[in-house]
Amino acid sequence: MAVTDEAIGRIKDMIVTGALRPGDRLPKESELAAELGLSRNSLREAVRALSLLRVLDVRQGDGTYVTSLDPRLLLEPLGFAADLHRGDTVLELLQVRRILEPAATAMAATRLDDGQLDVLSAQLDALGKESSVAELVACDLEFHRVVAAGSGNAVLCSLLDGLTGPTLRARIWDGLARDEAVDRTLREHRAIVRALRDRDAEAARSWATVHIASVERWLRAAP
């Protein structure tokens, strides 16, 4: 494994130094292995690992390319990992969200336009007690994604998107529906939209904090 780690490090260095840029095609396997002083097997394992991390894109019959290295792409595995967590670790993920999401929401207060907020309001108005968990999850994902994207910070948006993946959100919304807490949660969403519409960054920050803390309290009390 140490040899593969070395190969990964060598390719990473080429990207960091600019020898390989987003969209560049890697040299042929034999040439790159010789250039880096690695065996072809070690290089192959490194490429496989970096492709799983969305750093490289292996295209059969075409070659291996550096991806766009877009934050959303590179942080995508975070959502997969978040969905695997249980118990106290889920609470720790929400604690991180409680730190980051209010800041993103405050930043969005000066960036989201009325048209975007109208869409969010309409989506919330279409939900109710009879909505399915799937509908609630889809709306929740879109709501938080739009608000986070409104921060204008792609890294922050991607981090927040990954901290609560679809599977984890489904577990939370299923529990909220059973505990008849859907209305309260949707009220918090509407309060966030009102603060954003008023361009009140501090009110938006406060309501986002209340919202995440509310979910956190529910999780702590849940059996």
Protein backbone atom coordinates (compact mmCIF):
# COMPACT_ATOMS: atom_id res chain seq x y z
CA MET A 1 0.00 0.00 0.00
CA ALA A 2 2.92 2.37 0.73
CA VAL A 3 4.05 2.14 -2.90
CA THR A 4 0.55 2.99 -4.12
CA ASP A 5 0.43 5.91 -1.69
CA GLU A 6 3.71 7.15 -3.16
CA ALA A 7 2.26 6.92 -6.66
CA ILE A 8 -0.84 8.85 -5.55
CA GLY A 9 1.39 11.50 -4.01
CA ARG A 10 3.43 11.84 -7.20
CA ILE A 11 0.35 12.39 -9.35
CA LYS A 12 -1.07 14.80 -6.79
CA ASP A 13 2.18 16.79 -6.90
CA MET A 14 1.92 17.03 -10.68
CA ILE A 15 -1.56 18.52 -10.31
CA VAL A 16 -0.61 20.87 -7.46
CA THR A 17 2.43 22.21 -9.34
CA GLY A 18 0.47 22.69 -12.53
CA ALA A 19 2.27 20.03 -14.53
CA LEU A 20 -1.20 18.53 -14.95
CA ARG A 21 -4.18 20.88 -15.16
CA PRO A 22 -7.94 20.29 -15.11
CA GLY A 23 -8.92 18.61 -18.35
CA ASP A 24 -5.37 17.47 -19.19
CA ARG A 25 -4.80 13.97 -20.44
CA LEU A 26 -2.20 11.94 -18.55
CA PRO A 27 0.75 10.57 -20.52
CA LYS A 28 0.60 6.95 -21.56
CA GLU A 29 0.88 4.54 -18.64
CA SER A 30 4.32 3.28 -19.64
CA GLU A 31 5.66 6.81 -20.13
CA LEU A 32 4.24 8.17 -16.88
CA ALA A 33 5.46 5.17 -14.87
CA ALA A 34 8.97 5.66 -16.25
CA GLU A 35 8.86 9.42 -15.62
CA LEU A 36 7.80 8.93 -12.00
CA GLY A 37 10.04 5.94 -11.36
CA LEU A 38 7.10 3.69 -10.52
CA SER A 39 5.96 0.26 -11.58
CA ARG A 40 3.02 0.16 -13.93
CA ASN A 41 1.03 -1.83 -11.36
CA SER A 42 1.57 0.87 -8.70
CA LEU A 43 0.61 3.58 -11.14
CA ARG A 44 -2.50 1.65 -12.16
CA GLU A 45 -3.61 1.32 -8.52
CA ALA A 46 -2.99 5.02 -7.94
CA VAL A 47 -5.06 5.97 -10.98
CA ARG A 48 -7.87 3.69 -9.80
CA ALA A 49 -7.85 5.31 -6.34
CA LEU A 50 -7.77 8.84 -7.72
CA SER A 51 -10.63 8.07 -10.09
CA LEU A 52 -12.75 7.00 -7.10
CA LEU A 53 -11.91 10.34 -5.50
CA ARG A 54 -13.08 12.12 -8.68
CA VAL A 55 -9.59 13.53 -9.30
CA LEU A 56 -9.05 11.48 -12.45
CA ASP A 57 -11.48 10.33 -15.10
CA VAL A 58 -10.61 7.03 -16.79
CA ARG A 59 -12.17 6.88 -20.24
CA GLN A 60 -12.01 3.45 -21.78
CA GLY A 61 -10.32 3.54 -25.18
CA ASP A 62 -9.45 7.22 -24.82
CA GLY A 63 -7.14 7.68 -21.86
CA THR A 64 -7.09 9.13 -18.36
CA TYR A 65 -7.85 12.79 -17.74
CA VAL A 66 -7.70 15.19 -14.81
CA THR A 67 -11.27 16.11 -13.91
CA SER A 68 -12.52 19.68 -13.54
CA LEU A 69 -11.49 19.48 -9.85
CA ASP A 70 -14.72 21.32 -9.10
CA PRO A 71 -15.42 21.40 -5.32
CA ARG A 72 -18.83 19.72 -5.77
CA LEU A 73 -17.18 16.87 -7.66
CA LEU A 74 -14.29 16.40 -5.23
CA LEU A 75 -16.49 16.60 -2.13
CA GLU A 76 -19.15 14.26 -3.52
CA PRO A 77 -17.84 11.25 -1.53
CA LEU A 78 -18.60 13.19 1.66
CA GLY A 79 -22.33 12.71 1.07
CA PHE A 80 -21.85 8.97 0.63
CA ALA A 81 -19.92 8.80 3.90
CA ALA A 82 -22.52 10.92 5.72
CA ASP A 83 -25.27 8.48 4.75
CA LEU A 84 -23.39 5.67 6.50
CA HIS A 85 -23.26 7.38 9.88
CA ARG A 86 -25.45 6.46 12.82
CA GLY A 87 -26.02 7.56 16.40
CA ASP A 88 -23.73 10.18 17.89
CA THR A 89 -21.85 10.70 14.64
CA VAL A 90 -25.05 11.97 12.99
CA LEU A 91 -25.34 14.53 15.78
CA GLU A 92 -21.75 15.57 15.17
CA LEU A 93 -22.54 16.10 11.48
CA LEU A 94 -25.46 18.33 12.47
CA GLN A 95 -23.21 20.27 14.84
CA VAL A 96 -20.93 21.03 11.91
CA ARG A 97 -23.96 22.10 9.86
CA ARG A 98 -25.02 24.37 12.74
CA ILE A 99 -21.66 26.13 12.43
CA LEU A 100 -21.55 26.42 8.63
CA GLU A 101 -25.16 26.74 7.45
CA PRO A 102 -26.10 29.95 9.29
CA ALA A 103 -23.05 31.65 7.77
CA ALA A 104 -24.01 30.48 4.29
CA THR A 105 -27.61 31.60 4.82
CA ALA A 106 -26.50 35.06 5.95
CA MET A 107 -24.30 35.37 2.85
CA ALA A 108 -27.25 34.35 0.65
CA ALA A 109 -29.36 37.26 1.96
CA THR A 110 -27.65 39.68 -0.42
CA ARG A 111 -27.35 37.28 -3.38
CA LEU A 112 -30.59 35.34 -3.90
CA ASP A 113 -33.03 37.22 -6.11
CA ASP A 114 -36.80 37.46 -5.66
CA GLY A 115 -37.43 34.95 -8.43
CA GLN A 116 -35.40 32.27 -6.67
CA LEU A 117 -37.14 33.02 -3.37
CA ASP A 118 -40.55 32.86 -5.08
CA VAL A 119 -39.70 29.36 -6.31
CA LEU A 120 -38.66 28.26 -2.81
CA SER A 121 -41.87 29.69 -1.31
CA ALA A 122 -44.01 27.93 -3.91
CA GLN A 123 -42.29 24.62 -3.22
CA LEU A 124 -42.90 25.00 0.52
CA ASP A 125 -46.55 25.98 -0.03
CA ALA A 126 -47.08 22.81 -2.07
CA LEU A 127 -46.11 20.64 0.91
CA GLY A 128 -48.23 19.60 3.86
CA LYS A 129 -49.16 16.78 6.19
CA GLU A 130 -50.15 14.57 3.29
CA SER A 131 -46.83 14.95 1.49
CA SER A 132 -44.79 11.78 1.16
CA VAL A 133 -41.36 11.45 2.73
CA ALA A 134 -39.87 11.39 -0.77
CA GLU A 135 -41.52 14.74 -1.57
CA LEU A 136 -40.34 16.24 1.71
CA VAL A 137 -36.79 15.04 1.15
CA ALA A 138 -36.69 16.37 -2.42
CA CYS A 139 -37.95 19.77 -1.31
CA ASP A 140 -35.55 19.86 1.63
CA LEU A 141 -32.57 19.00 -0.57
CA GLU A 142 -33.51 21.69 -3.08
CA PHE A 143 -34.23 24.29 -0.39
CA HIS A 144 -30.90 23.93 1.39
CA ARG A 145 -28.97 23.56 -1.88
CA VAL A 146 -30.39 26.81 -3.30
CA VAL A 147 -29.73 28.71 -0.08
CA ALA A 148 -26.19 27.35 0.22
CA ALA A 149 -25.48 28.11 -3.44
CA GLY A 150 -26.70 31.63 -2.75
CA SER A 151 -23.68 32.10 -0.50
CA GLY A 152 -21.57 32.39 -3.63
CA ASN A 153 -18.97 30.05 -2.10
CA ALA A 154 -18.69 26.79 -4.03
CA VAL A 155 -16.64 25.02 -1.35
CA LEU A 156 -19.07 25.96 1.42
CA CYS A 157 -22.01 24.88 -0.75
CA SER A 158 -20.42 21.50 -1.49
CA LEU A 159 -19.52 20.88 2.15
CA LEU A 160 -23.08 21.56 3.27
CA ASP A 161 -24.50 19.45 0.47
CA GLY A 162 -22.37 16.53 1.60
CA LEU A 163 -22.98 16.81 5.34
CA THR A 164 -26.53 15.49 5.05
CA GLY A 165 -26.99 13.18 2.09
CA PRO A 166 -30.34 11.99 0.70
CA THR A 167 -30.43 8.79 2.76
CA LEU A 168 -29.79 10.60 6.04
CA ARG A 169 -32.33 13.29 5.15
CA ALA A 170 -34.89 10.58 4.41
CA ARG A 171 -34.35 9.03 7.87
CA ILE A 172 -34.79 12.44 9.51
CA TRP A 173 -37.93 13.39 7.54
CA ASP A 174 -39.48 9.98 8.12
CA GLY A 175 -39.05 10.51 11.86
CA LEU A 176 -40.34 14.09 11.71
CA ALA A 177 -43.45 12.88 9.87
CA ARG A 178 -44.12 10.22 12.52
CA ASP A 179 -43.69 12.79 15.30
CA GLU A 180 -45.93 15.31 13.48
CA ALA A 181 -43.08 17.82 13.41
CA VAL A 182 -43.32 18.53 9.68
CA ASP A 183 -45.36 21.73 10.11
CA ARG A 184 -42.85 23.17 12.56
CA THR A 185 -39.95 22.39 10.26
CA LEU A 186 -41.69 23.95 7.26
CA ARG A 187 -42.46 27.06 9.35
CA GLU A 188 -38.75 27.39 10.03
CA HIS A 189 -38.03 27.11 6.31
CA ARG A 190 -40.59 29.86 5.60
CA ALA A 191 -39.03 32.08 8.27
CA ILE A 192 -35.67 31.68 6.56
CA VAL A 193 -37.22 32.69 3.22
CA ARG A 194 -38.82 35.78 4.80
CA ALA A 195 -35.50 36.87 6.26
CA LEU A 196 -33.80 36.34 2.91
CA ARG A 197 -36.54 38.32 1.15
CA ASP A 198 -36.03 41.16 3.65
CA ARG A 199 -32.27 41.06 2.90
CA ASP A 200 -31.77 40.69 6.65
CA ALA A 201 -28.56 38.69 6.94
CA GLU A 202 -28.61 38.45 10.72
CA ALA A 203 -32.24 37.30 10.85
CA ALA A 204 -31.45 34.73 8.17
CA ARG A 205 -28.46 33.55 10.20
CA SER A 206 -30.60 33.31 13.36
CA TRP A 207 -33.42 31.34 11.71
CA ALA A 208 -30.96 28.95 10.09
CA THR A 209 -29.41 28.35 13.52
CA VAL A 210 -32.85 27.75 15.04
CA HIS A 211 -33.72 25.34 12.25
CA ILE A 212 -30.60 23.18 12.51
CA ALA A 213 -30.72 23.24 16.31
CA SER A 214 -34.37 22.14 16.14
CA VAL A 215 -33.47 19.09 14.05
CA GLU A 216 -30.56 18.38 16.37
CA ARG A 217 -32.84 18.47 19.43
CA TRP A 218 -35.30 16.15 17.72
CA LEU A 219 -32.52 13.68 16.92
CA ARG A 220 -31.29 13.72 20.51
CA ALA A 221 -34.78 12.90 21.77
CA ALA A 222 -35.54 10.32 19.09
CA PRO A 223 -35.44 6.66 20.21
